[in-house]
Amino acid sequence: MSTDNLLGIAEVANFAGVTKQAVSNWRMRYDHFPRPIQNLQNGPVWDREKVETWIKSFKGEETHVLSFINLKGGVGKTTTAVAVAEMLAQDERKHVLLIDLDPQTNATVTLISEEQWAEMDKEGRTIAQLFEDRLNPNNAPKFDIEKAIARRVSTINDGIARLDLLPSSIRLIDLQDRIPSIAQLDNFTVNPTEILRTGACQRF
């Protein structure tokens, strides 16, 4: 096959008019995205015709956000959220990102081990770091969404494909009272919900 018929990830992104990160997201999110014909040292390559056909027919799929919220403890929020996430990923074959916003981290340690959570928390790979970065705008940001997401989580079958987790942190206890002030820091141009959407939810 002529090299003229091959596309690297940068060429795919350029043709689609998106970033390379968007192409990486498509590969993980859509099972029907063309498989690379070869993985070279500098990355995967695709057949130009197959990729162009896919992009031209691609209409995207709406992201659905399910929130489990209750001010009363012990009513089954965590159990329900984890069970729904697992069923959607395993039975319905949906790509699911579970975002744990509870400082108690119960959903987090239900899906990954406490040892893995402790390591991720130590390295700033939790939701707390996302907000901490915005509360300290003079410091270099540490949060990296790709590194913060734990993939193929769950105790079922040693992990469920398509089920990912953005872990929580007990550090949110110290941050949660300050999080509303983020809007003031940004001259009310952004709010905590927007930070979560742009920092985490855009991954899906």
N, C-alpha and C. Protein backbone atom coordinates (compact mmCIF):
# COMPACT_ATOMS: atom_id res chain seq x y z
N MET A 1 0.84 -1.20 0.00
CA MET A 1 0.00 0.00 0.00
C MET A 1 0.87 1.24 0.00
N SER A 2 0.52 2.18 -0.84
CA SER A 2 1.29 3.42 -0.93
C SER A 2 1.14 4.22 0.35
N THR A 3 2.25 4.88 0.73
CA THR A 3 2.21 5.71 1.93
C THR A 3 1.26 6.89 1.75
N ASP A 4 0.92 7.21 0.49
CA ASP A 4 -0.02 8.29 0.23
C ASP A 4 -1.42 7.94 0.73
N ASN A 5 -1.66 6.64 0.91
CA ASN A 5 -2.97 6.18 1.36
C ASN A 5 -3.02 5.98 2.86
N LEU A 6 -1.98 6.41 3.58
CA LEU A 6 -1.91 6.21 5.02
C LEU A 6 -2.04 7.55 5.74
N LEU A 7 -2.69 7.51 6.88
CA LEU A 7 -2.85 8.70 7.70
C LEU A 7 -2.42 8.42 9.13
N GLY A 8 -1.60 9.32 9.68
CA GLY A 8 -1.27 9.25 11.10
C GLY A 8 -2.33 10.02 11.87
N ILE A 9 -2.22 10.02 13.18
CA ILE A 9 -3.25 10.66 13.99
C ILE A 9 -3.32 12.17 13.73
N ALA A 10 -2.18 12.80 13.45
CA ALA A 10 -2.18 14.24 13.15
C ALA A 10 -2.92 14.52 11.85
N GLU A 11 -2.72 13.66 10.83
CA GLU A 11 -3.40 13.84 9.55
C GLU A 11 -4.90 13.60 9.68
N VAL A 12 -5.27 12.61 10.50
CA VAL A 12 -6.70 12.36 10.75
C VAL A 12 -7.34 13.58 11.40
N ALA A 13 -6.65 14.13 12.40
CA ALA A 13 -7.16 15.31 13.10
C ALA A 13 -7.28 16.49 12.15
N ASN A 14 -6.28 16.67 11.30
CA ASN A 14 -6.28 17.79 10.36
C ASN A 14 -7.43 17.67 9.37
N PHE A 15 -7.65 16.46 8.87
CA PHE A 15 -8.73 16.24 7.90
C PHE A 15 -10.09 16.51 8.54
N ALA A 16 -10.25 16.10 9.82
CA ALA A 16 -11.53 16.26 10.50
C ALA A 16 -11.71 17.66 11.07
N GLY A 17 -10.62 18.42 11.14
CA GLY A 17 -10.69 19.76 11.70
C GLY A 17 -10.84 19.75 13.21
N VAL A 18 -10.22 18.74 13.85
CA VAL A 18 -10.28 18.64 15.31
C VAL A 18 -8.86 18.47 15.85
N THR A 19 -8.75 18.35 17.17
CA THR A 19 -7.44 18.13 17.78
C THR A 19 -7.10 16.64 17.77
N LYS A 20 -5.83 16.35 17.99
CA LYS A 20 -5.41 14.96 18.10
C LYS A 20 -6.06 14.28 19.28
N GLN A 21 -6.31 15.06 20.36
CA GLN A 21 -6.98 14.51 21.53
C GLN A 21 -8.40 14.06 21.18
N ALA A 22 -9.07 14.81 20.32
CA ALA A 22 -10.43 14.43 19.90
C ALA A 22 -10.40 13.10 19.17
N VAL A 23 -9.40 12.91 18.32
CA VAL A 23 -9.28 11.65 17.59
C VAL A 23 -9.03 10.50 18.57
N SER A 24 -8.19 10.73 19.57
CA SER A 24 -7.94 9.70 20.59
C SER A 24 -9.24 9.36 21.32
N ASN A 25 -10.04 10.39 21.59
CA ASN A 25 -11.32 10.16 22.25
C ASN A 25 -12.25 9.33 21.38
N TRP A 26 -12.29 9.63 20.07
CA TRP A 26 -13.13 8.85 19.16
C TRP A 26 -12.72 7.39 19.19
N ARG A 27 -11.43 7.14 19.20
CA ARG A 27 -10.95 5.75 19.18
C ARG A 27 -11.44 4.98 20.40
N MET A 28 -11.46 5.65 21.55
CA MET A 28 -11.89 4.99 22.78
C MET A 28 -13.40 4.92 22.90
N ARG A 29 -14.08 5.91 22.38
CA ARG A 29 -15.52 6.00 22.60
C ARG A 29 -16.34 5.22 21.58
N TYR A 30 -15.90 5.19 20.33
CA TYR A 30 -16.70 4.58 19.28
C TYR A 30 -16.06 3.29 18.78
N ASP A 31 -16.77 2.19 19.00
CA ASP A 31 -16.26 0.89 18.56
C ASP A 31 -16.17 0.80 17.04
N HIS A 32 -16.96 1.63 16.33
CA HIS A 32 -16.97 1.57 14.88
C HIS A 32 -15.92 2.48 14.24
N PHE A 33 -15.11 3.16 15.06
CA PHE A 33 -14.02 3.94 14.47
C PHE A 33 -13.04 2.96 13.82
N PRO A 34 -12.56 3.27 12.61
CA PRO A 34 -11.68 2.32 11.90
C PRO A 34 -10.46 1.92 12.74
N ARG A 35 -10.12 0.67 12.66
CA ARG A 35 -8.93 0.19 13.35
C ARG A 35 -7.69 0.55 12.54
N PRO A 36 -6.59 0.91 13.19
CA PRO A 36 -5.36 1.20 12.42
C PRO A 36 -4.88 -0.05 11.71
N ILE A 37 -4.33 0.12 10.53
CA ILE A 37 -3.84 -1.04 9.80
C ILE A 37 -2.47 -1.47 10.29
N GLN A 38 -1.81 -0.55 11.02
CA GLN A 38 -0.49 -0.87 11.54
C GLN A 38 -0.13 0.12 12.66
N ASN A 39 0.66 -0.36 13.61
CA ASN A 39 1.15 0.51 14.67
C ASN A 39 2.65 0.66 14.50
N LEU A 40 3.05 1.84 14.04
CA LEU A 40 4.46 2.12 13.82
C LEU A 40 5.09 2.67 15.09
N GLN A 41 6.39 2.88 15.05
CA GLN A 41 7.10 3.38 16.23
C GLN A 41 6.59 4.75 16.66
N ASN A 42 6.19 5.56 15.69
CA ASN A 42 5.71 6.91 16.02
C ASN A 42 4.19 6.99 16.11
N GLY A 43 3.52 5.84 16.14
CA GLY A 43 2.08 5.83 16.35
C GLY A 43 1.32 5.03 15.30
N PRO A 44 0.01 4.91 15.48
CA PRO A 44 -0.81 4.13 14.55
C PRO A 44 -1.03 4.85 13.23
N VAL A 45 -1.30 4.07 12.19
CA VAL A 45 -1.64 4.64 10.89
C VAL A 45 -2.90 3.96 10.38
N TRP A 46 -3.69 4.75 9.63
CA TRP A 46 -4.97 4.25 9.13
C TRP A 46 -5.01 4.34 7.61
N ASP A 47 -5.91 3.54 7.05
CA ASP A 47 -6.20 3.63 5.63
C ASP A 47 -7.00 4.92 5.39
N ARG A 48 -6.48 5.76 4.52
CA ARG A 48 -7.08 7.08 4.28
C ARG A 48 -8.55 6.96 3.89
N GLU A 49 -8.87 6.08 2.98
CA GLU A 49 -10.24 5.99 2.48
C GLU A 49 -11.22 5.60 3.59
N LYS A 50 -10.84 4.64 4.44
CA LYS A 50 -11.73 4.20 5.51
C LYS A 50 -11.97 5.31 6.53
N VAL A 51 -10.89 6.03 6.87
CA VAL A 51 -11.03 7.11 7.84
C VAL A 51 -11.86 8.24 7.28
N GLU A 52 -11.62 8.62 6.04
CA GLU A 52 -12.37 9.72 5.44
C GLU A 52 -13.85 9.36 5.32
N THR A 53 -14.15 8.11 4.99
CA THR A 53 -15.54 7.67 4.90
C THR A 53 -16.20 7.74 6.27
N TRP A 54 -15.48 7.33 7.31
CA TRP A 54 -16.04 7.35 8.67
C TRP A 54 -16.31 8.78 9.11
N ILE A 55 -15.35 9.67 8.87
CA ILE A 55 -15.51 11.06 9.30
C ILE A 55 -16.68 11.72 8.58
N LYS A 56 -16.83 11.45 7.30
CA LYS A 56 -17.91 12.07 6.53
C LYS A 56 -19.28 11.60 7.00
N SER A 57 -19.36 10.37 7.50
CA SER A 57 -20.64 9.83 7.95
C SER A 57 -20.85 10.01 9.45
N PHE A 58 -19.82 10.50 10.13
CA PHE A 58 -19.88 10.62 11.58
C PHE A 58 -20.82 11.75 12.00
N LYS A 59 -21.76 11.41 12.86
CA LYS A 59 -22.71 12.41 13.36
C LYS A 59 -22.57 12.62 14.86
N GLY A 60 -21.72 11.82 15.47
CA GLY A 60 -21.54 11.95 16.91
C GLY A 60 -22.70 11.36 17.68
N GLU A 61 -22.51 11.23 18.94
CA GLU A 61 -23.55 10.72 19.82
C GLU A 61 -23.64 11.63 21.03
N GLU A 62 -24.85 11.97 21.39
CA GLU A 62 -25.05 12.88 22.50
C GLU A 62 -24.56 12.25 23.80
N THR A 63 -23.86 13.05 24.59
CA THR A 63 -23.42 12.60 25.90
C THR A 63 -24.55 12.81 26.90
N HIS A 64 -24.87 11.76 27.63
CA HIS A 64 -25.91 11.84 28.64
C HIS A 64 -25.26 11.92 30.02
N VAL A 65 -25.72 12.84 30.83
CA VAL A 65 -25.19 13.01 32.18
C VAL A 65 -26.25 12.57 33.18
N LEU A 66 -25.91 11.60 34.00
CA LEU A 66 -26.80 11.14 35.07
C LEU A 66 -26.18 11.57 36.39
N SER A 67 -26.96 12.26 37.21
CA SER A 67 -26.46 12.73 38.51
C SER A 67 -27.24 12.04 39.63
N PHE A 68 -26.51 11.59 40.64
CA PHE A 68 -27.12 10.96 41.80
C PHE A 68 -26.85 11.86 43.00
N ILE A 69 -27.88 12.58 43.44
CA ILE A 69 -27.70 13.62 44.45
C ILE A 69 -28.77 13.46 45.53
N ASN A 70 -28.35 13.51 46.77
CA ASN A 70 -29.29 13.54 47.89
C ASN A 70 -28.52 14.06 49.09
N LEU A 71 -29.09 15.02 49.81
CA LEU A 71 -28.40 15.59 50.96
C LEU A 71 -28.41 14.65 52.17
N LYS A 72 -29.23 13.63 52.12
CA LYS A 72 -29.28 12.68 53.23
C LYS A 72 -28.32 11.53 52.96
N GLY A 73 -27.60 11.12 53.97
CA GLY A 73 -26.68 10.00 53.82
C GLY A 73 -27.38 8.67 53.98
N GLY A 74 -26.75 7.63 53.45
CA GLY A 74 -27.28 6.28 53.64
C GLY A 74 -28.53 5.95 52.87
N VAL A 75 -28.76 6.65 51.75
CA VAL A 75 -29.98 6.37 50.98
C VAL A 75 -29.68 5.60 49.69
N GLY A 76 -28.44 5.21 49.49
CA GLY A 76 -28.09 4.37 48.34
C GLY A 76 -27.55 5.10 47.13
N LYS A 77 -27.08 6.33 47.28
CA LYS A 77 -26.54 7.08 46.14
C LYS A 77 -25.36 6.35 45.51
N THR A 78 -24.41 5.97 46.35
CA THR A 78 -23.21 5.33 45.83
C THR A 78 -23.53 3.98 45.20
N THR A 79 -24.29 3.17 45.90
CA THR A 79 -24.64 1.84 45.40
C THR A 79 -25.37 1.95 44.06
N THR A 80 -26.30 2.89 43.97
CA THR A 80 -27.06 3.05 42.73
C THR A 80 -26.18 3.55 41.60
N ALA A 81 -25.37 4.56 41.88
CA ALA A 81 -24.50 5.13 40.85
C ALA A 81 -23.55 4.08 40.28
N VAL A 82 -22.92 3.32 41.16
CA VAL A 82 -21.97 2.30 40.71
C VAL A 82 -22.68 1.21 39.93
N ALA A 83 -23.84 0.77 40.43
CA ALA A 83 -24.57 -0.30 39.75
C ALA A 83 -25.03 0.13 38.36
N VAL A 84 -25.55 1.35 38.25
CA VAL A 84 -26.01 1.86 36.95
C VAL A 84 -24.83 1.98 35.99
N ALA A 85 -23.70 2.49 36.48
CA ALA A 85 -22.51 2.63 35.64
C ALA A 85 -22.05 1.27 35.13
N GLU A 86 -22.02 0.29 36.00
CA GLU A 86 -21.57 -1.05 35.60
C GLU A 86 -22.52 -1.68 34.60
N MET A 87 -23.83 -1.53 34.81
CA MET A 87 -24.81 -2.12 33.89
C MET A 87 -24.75 -1.45 32.52
N LEU A 88 -24.62 -0.12 32.50
CA LEU A 88 -24.55 0.58 31.22
C LEU A 88 -23.31 0.15 30.43
N ALA A 89 -22.19 -0.01 31.13
CA ALA A 89 -20.95 -0.38 30.44
C ALA A 89 -20.95 -1.84 30.01
N GLN A 90 -21.39 -2.72 30.90
CA GLN A 90 -21.29 -4.16 30.60
C GLN A 90 -22.47 -4.67 29.77
N ASP A 91 -23.67 -4.32 30.16
CA ASP A 91 -24.85 -4.87 29.48
C ASP A 91 -25.26 -4.07 28.25
N GLU A 92 -25.16 -2.75 28.35
CA GLU A 92 -25.57 -1.90 27.24
C GLU A 92 -24.42 -1.47 26.34
N ARG A 93 -23.19 -1.85 26.73
CA ARG A 93 -22.00 -1.55 25.94
C ARG A 93 -21.82 -0.05 25.69
N LYS A 94 -22.16 0.75 26.71
CA LYS A 94 -21.95 2.18 26.64
C LYS A 94 -20.59 2.53 27.24
N HIS A 95 -20.02 3.62 26.75
CA HIS A 95 -18.79 4.13 27.35
C HIS A 95 -19.20 5.05 28.50
N VAL A 96 -18.77 4.70 29.70
CA VAL A 96 -19.22 5.39 30.90
C VAL A 96 -18.03 5.96 31.67
N LEU A 97 -18.15 7.23 32.05
CA LEU A 97 -17.18 7.86 32.94
C LEU A 97 -17.91 8.19 34.23
N LEU A 98 -17.56 7.52 35.32
CA LEU A 98 -18.15 7.82 36.61
C LEU A 98 -17.28 8.85 37.31
N ILE A 99 -17.88 9.99 37.66
CA ILE A 99 -17.16 11.06 38.35
C ILE A 99 -17.61 11.08 39.80
N ASP A 100 -16.70 10.79 40.70
CA ASP A 100 -17.02 10.74 42.12
C ASP A 100 -16.75 12.12 42.74
N LEU A 101 -17.83 12.79 43.17
CA LEU A 101 -17.70 14.12 43.76
C LEU A 101 -17.88 14.09 45.28
N ASP A 102 -17.94 12.91 45.85
CA ASP A 102 -18.15 12.77 47.29
C ASP A 102 -16.81 12.64 48.00
N PRO A 103 -16.51 13.53 48.94
CA PRO A 103 -15.23 13.45 49.67
C PRO A 103 -15.03 12.13 50.42
N GLN A 104 -16.12 11.42 50.68
CA GLN A 104 -15.98 10.13 51.36
C GLN A 104 -15.36 9.07 50.46
N THR A 105 -15.34 9.30 49.17
CA THR A 105 -14.69 8.44 48.16
C THR A 105 -15.24 7.02 48.11
N ASN A 106 -16.45 6.80 48.56
CA ASN A 106 -16.97 5.44 48.59
C ASN A 106 -17.11 4.82 47.20
N ALA A 107 -17.60 5.60 46.24
CA ALA A 107 -17.72 5.07 44.89
C ALA A 107 -16.35 4.75 44.31
N THR A 108 -15.39 5.61 44.62
CA THR A 108 -14.02 5.40 44.13
C THR A 108 -13.45 4.09 44.61
N VAL A 109 -13.50 3.85 45.93
CA VAL A 109 -12.88 2.63 46.47
C VAL A 109 -13.76 1.41 46.28
N THR A 110 -14.97 1.61 45.73
CA THR A 110 -15.78 0.47 45.32
C THR A 110 -15.30 -0.05 43.97
N LEU A 111 -14.79 0.86 43.15
CA LEU A 111 -14.39 0.49 41.79
C LEU A 111 -12.90 0.23 41.63
N ILE A 112 -12.08 0.82 42.49
CA ILE A 112 -10.64 0.53 42.45
C ILE A 112 -10.17 0.24 43.88
N SER A 113 -8.99 -0.31 44.00
CA SER A 113 -8.48 -0.65 45.32
C SER A 113 -8.07 0.60 46.08
N GLU A 114 -8.04 0.50 47.40
CA GLU A 114 -7.61 1.63 48.21
C GLU A 114 -6.16 1.98 47.92
N GLU A 115 -5.36 0.98 47.59
CA GLU A 115 -3.95 1.23 47.27
C GLU A 115 -3.82 2.05 45.99
N GLN A 116 -4.61 1.69 44.97
CA GLN A 116 -4.56 2.45 43.72
C GLN A 116 -5.06 3.87 43.94
N TRP A 117 -6.15 4.00 44.73
CA TRP A 117 -6.68 5.33 45.01
C TRP A 117 -5.64 6.18 45.75
N ALA A 118 -4.97 5.61 46.76
CA ALA A 118 -4.00 6.36 47.55
C ALA A 118 -2.86 6.87 46.66
N GLU A 119 -2.43 6.03 45.73
CA GLU A 119 -1.34 6.43 44.82
C GLU A 119 -1.81 7.56 43.90
N MET A 120 -3.02 7.44 43.37
CA MET A 120 -3.55 8.48 42.48
C MET A 120 -3.75 9.79 43.23
N ASP A 121 -4.24 9.69 44.46
CA ASP A 121 -4.47 10.89 45.25
C ASP A 121 -3.15 11.59 45.57
N LYS A 122 -2.14 10.81 45.90
CA LYS A 122 -0.83 11.36 46.20
C LYS A 122 -0.24 12.09 45.00
N GLU A 123 -0.53 11.59 43.80
CA GLU A 123 0.02 12.16 42.58
C GLU A 123 -0.88 13.27 41.99
N GLY A 124 -1.95 13.61 42.71
CA GLY A 124 -2.83 14.67 42.22
C GLY A 124 -3.71 14.25 41.07
N ARG A 125 -4.01 12.97 40.98
CA ARG A 125 -4.82 12.44 39.88
C ARG A 125 -6.25 12.17 40.33
N THR A 126 -6.87 13.19 40.97
CA THR A 126 -8.25 13.08 41.42
C THR A 126 -8.98 14.38 41.12
N ILE A 127 -10.29 14.37 41.35
CA ILE A 127 -11.12 15.55 41.09
C ILE A 127 -10.69 16.73 41.96
N ALA A 128 -10.12 16.43 43.14
CA ALA A 128 -9.69 17.51 44.03
C ALA A 128 -8.64 18.38 43.37
N GLN A 129 -7.72 17.77 42.60
CA GLN A 129 -6.66 18.53 41.97
C GLN A 129 -7.21 19.48 40.91
N LEU A 130 -8.28 19.07 40.24
CA LEU A 130 -8.90 19.93 39.24
C LEU A 130 -9.35 21.25 39.87
N PHE A 131 -10.02 21.15 41.02
CA PHE A 131 -10.50 22.36 41.69
C PHE A 131 -9.37 23.11 42.39
N GLU A 132 -8.41 22.37 42.92
CA GLU A 132 -7.29 23.01 43.60
C GLU A 132 -6.50 23.88 42.63
N ASP A 133 -6.34 23.43 41.41
CA ASP A 133 -5.63 24.22 40.40
C ASP A 133 -6.34 25.56 40.17
N ARG A 134 -7.67 25.53 40.11
CA ARG A 134 -8.41 26.76 39.85
C ARG A 134 -8.44 27.68 41.06
N LEU A 135 -8.30 27.10 42.24
CA LEU A 135 -8.26 27.92 43.46
C LEU A 135 -6.90 28.56 43.67
N ASN A 136 -5.90 28.06 42.96
CA ASN A 136 -4.54 28.61 43.07
C ASN A 136 -4.03 28.95 41.68
N PRO A 137 -4.61 29.97 41.05
CA PRO A 137 -4.29 30.28 39.65
C PRO A 137 -2.86 30.72 39.42
N ASN A 138 -2.15 31.12 40.47
CA ASN A 138 -0.76 31.55 40.30
C ASN A 138 0.22 30.38 40.24
N ASN A 139 -0.26 29.20 40.60
CA ASN A 139 0.59 28.02 40.55
C ASN A 139 0.40 27.29 39.22
N ALA A 140 1.44 26.59 38.80
CA ALA A 140 1.33 25.80 37.56
C ALA A 140 0.32 24.69 37.77
N PRO A 141 -0.64 24.53 36.86
CA PRO A 141 -1.66 23.48 37.02
C PRO A 141 -1.04 22.09 36.99
N LYS A 142 -1.57 21.21 37.82
CA LYS A 142 -1.07 19.85 37.91
C LYS A 142 -2.04 18.82 37.33
N PHE A 143 -3.32 19.21 37.24
CA PHE A 143 -4.33 18.24 36.83
C PHE A 143 -4.21 17.88 35.36
N ASP A 144 -4.21 16.59 35.06
CA ASP A 144 -4.16 16.07 33.70
C ASP A 144 -5.28 15.05 33.58
N ILE A 145 -6.32 15.36 32.83
CA ILE A 145 -7.49 14.49 32.76
C ILE A 145 -7.15 13.09 32.29
N GLU A 146 -6.22 12.95 31.36
CA GLU A 146 -5.88 11.63 30.84
C GLU A 146 -5.21 10.77 31.92
N LYS A 147 -4.37 11.39 32.75
CA LYS A 147 -3.70 10.65 33.80
C LYS A 147 -4.62 10.42 35.00
N ALA A 148 -5.62 11.27 35.15
CA ALA A 148 -6.51 11.18 36.31
C ALA A 148 -7.57 10.10 36.15
N ILE A 149 -7.84 9.68 34.96
CA ILE A 149 -8.90 8.69 34.74
C ILE A 149 -8.36 7.27 34.90
N ALA A 150 -9.01 6.52 35.79
CA ALA A 150 -8.70 5.10 35.96
C ALA A 150 -9.58 4.34 34.98
N ARG A 151 -8.98 3.51 34.17
CA ARG A 151 -9.72 2.84 33.10
C ARG A 151 -10.04 1.39 33.45
N ARG A 152 -11.09 0.93 32.83
CA ARG A 152 -11.55 -0.47 32.99
C ARG A 152 -11.65 -0.84 34.47
N VAL A 153 -12.46 -0.07 35.19
CA VAL A 153 -12.58 -0.28 36.63
C VAL A 153 -13.74 -1.23 36.93
N SER A 154 -13.86 -1.63 38.19
CA SER A 154 -14.89 -2.51 38.73
C SER A 154 -14.24 -3.76 39.30
N THR A 155 -14.93 -4.34 40.26
CA THR A 155 -14.48 -5.63 40.82
C THR A 155 -15.09 -6.78 40.03
N ILE A 156 -15.95 -6.48 39.07
CA ILE A 156 -16.56 -7.51 38.24
C ILE A 156 -15.63 -7.88 37.10
N ASN A 157 -15.36 -9.16 36.95
CA ASN A 157 -14.51 -9.65 35.84
C ASN A 157 -13.16 -8.95 35.78
N ASP A 158 -12.62 -8.58 36.93
CA ASP A 158 -11.34 -7.87 36.97
C ASP A 158 -11.38 -6.57 36.19
N GLY A 159 -12.54 -5.95 36.14
CA GLY A 159 -12.68 -4.68 35.44
C GLY A 159 -13.62 -4.81 34.25
N ILE A 160 -14.38 -3.74 33.99
CA ILE A 160 -15.33 -3.75 32.89
C ILE A 160 -14.84 -2.80 31.79
N ALA A 161 -14.72 -3.35 30.60
CA ALA A 161 -14.35 -2.51 29.46
C ALA A 161 -15.39 -1.41 29.29
N ARG A 162 -14.92 -0.22 28.93
CA ARG A 162 -15.76 0.96 28.71
C ARG A 162 -16.17 1.67 29.99
N LEU A 163 -15.79 1.15 31.15
CA LEU A 163 -16.14 1.82 32.41
C LEU A 163 -14.89 2.48 32.99
N ASP A 164 -14.91 3.81 33.03
CA ASP A 164 -13.78 4.59 33.55
C ASP A 164 -14.22 5.38 34.77
N LEU A 165 -13.24 5.81 35.55
CA LEU A 165 -13.52 6.51 36.81
C LEU A 165 -12.62 7.72 36.96
N LEU A 166 -13.23 8.85 37.33
CA LEU A 166 -12.47 10.01 37.78
C LEU A 166 -12.61 10.02 39.30
N PRO A 167 -11.56 9.65 40.03
CA PRO A 167 -11.68 9.45 41.47
C PRO A 167 -11.91 10.73 42.27
N SER A 168 -12.50 10.55 43.43
CA SER A 168 -12.65 11.63 44.38
C SER A 168 -11.45 11.62 45.33
N SER A 169 -11.49 12.51 46.31
CA SER A 169 -10.40 12.61 47.27
C SER A 169 -10.94 13.18 48.57
N ILE A 170 -10.42 12.70 49.68
CA ILE A 170 -10.82 13.27 50.98
C ILE A 170 -10.34 14.71 51.10
N ARG A 171 -9.43 15.13 50.21
CA ARG A 171 -8.98 16.52 50.22
C ARG A 171 -10.10 17.48 49.83
N LEU A 172 -11.17 16.95 49.22
CA LEU A 172 -12.31 17.79 48.88
C LEU A 172 -12.97 18.38 50.13
N ILE A 173 -12.79 17.71 51.27
CA ILE A 173 -13.36 18.22 52.52
C ILE A 173 -12.80 19.61 52.82
N ASP A 174 -11.49 19.77 52.60
CA ASP A 174 -10.85 21.06 52.85
C ASP A 174 -11.12 22.07 51.74
N LEU A 175 -11.47 21.58 50.56
CA LEU A 175 -11.66 22.47 49.41
C LEU A 175 -13.09 22.90 49.18
N GLN A 176 -14.06 22.08 49.62
CA GLN A 176 -15.43 22.30 49.18
C GLN A 176 -16.01 23.65 49.62
N ASP A 177 -15.59 24.15 50.77
CA ASP A 177 -16.10 25.45 51.19
C ASP A 177 -15.50 26.59 50.38
N ARG A 178 -14.37 26.35 49.74
CA ARG A 178 -13.71 27.39 48.95
C ARG A 178 -14.08 27.33 47.47
N ILE A 179 -14.62 26.19 47.03
CA ILE A 179 -14.92 26.01 45.61
C ILE A 179 -15.86 27.08 45.06
N PRO A 180 -16.91 27.50 45.80
CA PRO A 180 -17.78 28.56 45.24
C PRO A 180 -17.05 29.86 44.94
N SER A 181 -15.90 30.09 45.59
CA SER A 181 -15.16 31.34 45.36
C SER A 181 -14.44 31.35 44.02
N ILE A 182 -14.42 30.21 43.33
CA ILE A 182 -13.77 30.17 42.02
C ILE A 182 -14.40 31.18 41.08
N ALA A 183 -15.71 31.32 41.17
CA ALA A 183 -16.41 32.28 40.30
C ALA A 183 -15.87 33.69 40.51
N GLN A 184 -15.58 34.04 41.75
CA GLN A 184 -15.05 35.37 42.04
C GLN A 184 -13.64 35.53 41.49
N LEU A 185 -12.85 34.46 41.59
CA LEU A 185 -11.48 34.52 41.09
C LEU A 185 -11.46 34.76 39.58
N ASP A 186 -12.48 34.27 38.89
CA ASP A 186 -12.55 34.41 37.43
C ASP A 186 -13.51 35.51 37.01
N ASN A 187 -13.74 36.46 37.91
CA ASN A 187 -14.64 37.59 37.60
C ASN A 187 -16.01 37.11 37.13
N PHE A 188 -16.46 36.03 37.73
CA PHE A 188 -17.78 35.45 37.47
C PHE A 188 -17.96 35.02 36.01
N THR A 189 -16.85 34.74 35.33
CA THR A 189 -16.94 34.26 33.96
C THR A 189 -17.05 32.74 33.91
N VAL A 190 -16.84 32.08 35.03
CA VAL A 190 -16.90 30.63 35.08
C VAL A 190 -17.38 30.23 36.47
N ASN A 191 -18.00 29.06 36.55
CA ASN A 191 -18.44 28.56 37.84
C ASN A 191 -17.94 27.13 38.01
N PRO A 192 -18.04 26.57 39.21
CA PRO A 192 -17.51 25.21 39.44
C PRO A 192 -18.08 24.16 38.50
N THR A 193 -19.36 24.28 38.15
CA THR A 193 -19.96 23.31 37.24
C THR A 193 -19.31 23.38 35.87
N GLU A 194 -19.02 24.60 35.40
CA GLU A 194 -18.36 24.77 34.11
C GLU A 194 -16.95 24.19 34.14
N ILE A 195 -16.26 24.36 35.26
CA ILE A 195 -14.91 23.81 35.39
C ILE A 195 -14.95 22.30 35.28
N LEU A 196 -15.93 21.70 35.93
CA LEU A 196 -16.08 20.25 35.87
C LEU A 196 -16.40 19.81 34.45
N ARG A 197 -17.26 20.54 33.76
CA ARG A 197 -17.64 20.17 32.40
C ARG A 197 -16.46 20.26 31.45
N THR A 198 -15.73 21.37 31.51
CA THR A 198 -14.62 21.56 30.58
C THR A 198 -13.39 20.74 30.98
N GLY A 199 -13.21 20.54 32.29
CA GLY A 199 -12.02 19.83 32.74
C GLY A 199 -12.15 18.33 32.71
N ALA A 200 -13.37 17.83 32.84
CA ALA A 200 -13.56 16.39 32.94
C ALA A 200 -14.53 15.85 31.92
N CYS A 201 -15.73 16.44 31.82
CA CYS A 201 -16.77 15.86 31.00
C CYS A 201 -16.46 15.94 29.52
N GLN A 202 -15.65 16.90 29.08
CA GLN A 202 -15.36 17.00 27.65
C GLN A 202 -14.55 15.79 27.19
N ARG A 203 -13.98 15.05 28.11
CA ARG A 203 -13.28 13.82 27.76
C ARG A 203 -14.20 12.83 27.06
N PHE A 204 -15.48 12.90 27.41
CA PHE A 204 -16.47 12.02 26.80
C PHE A 204 -17.43 12.82 25.94
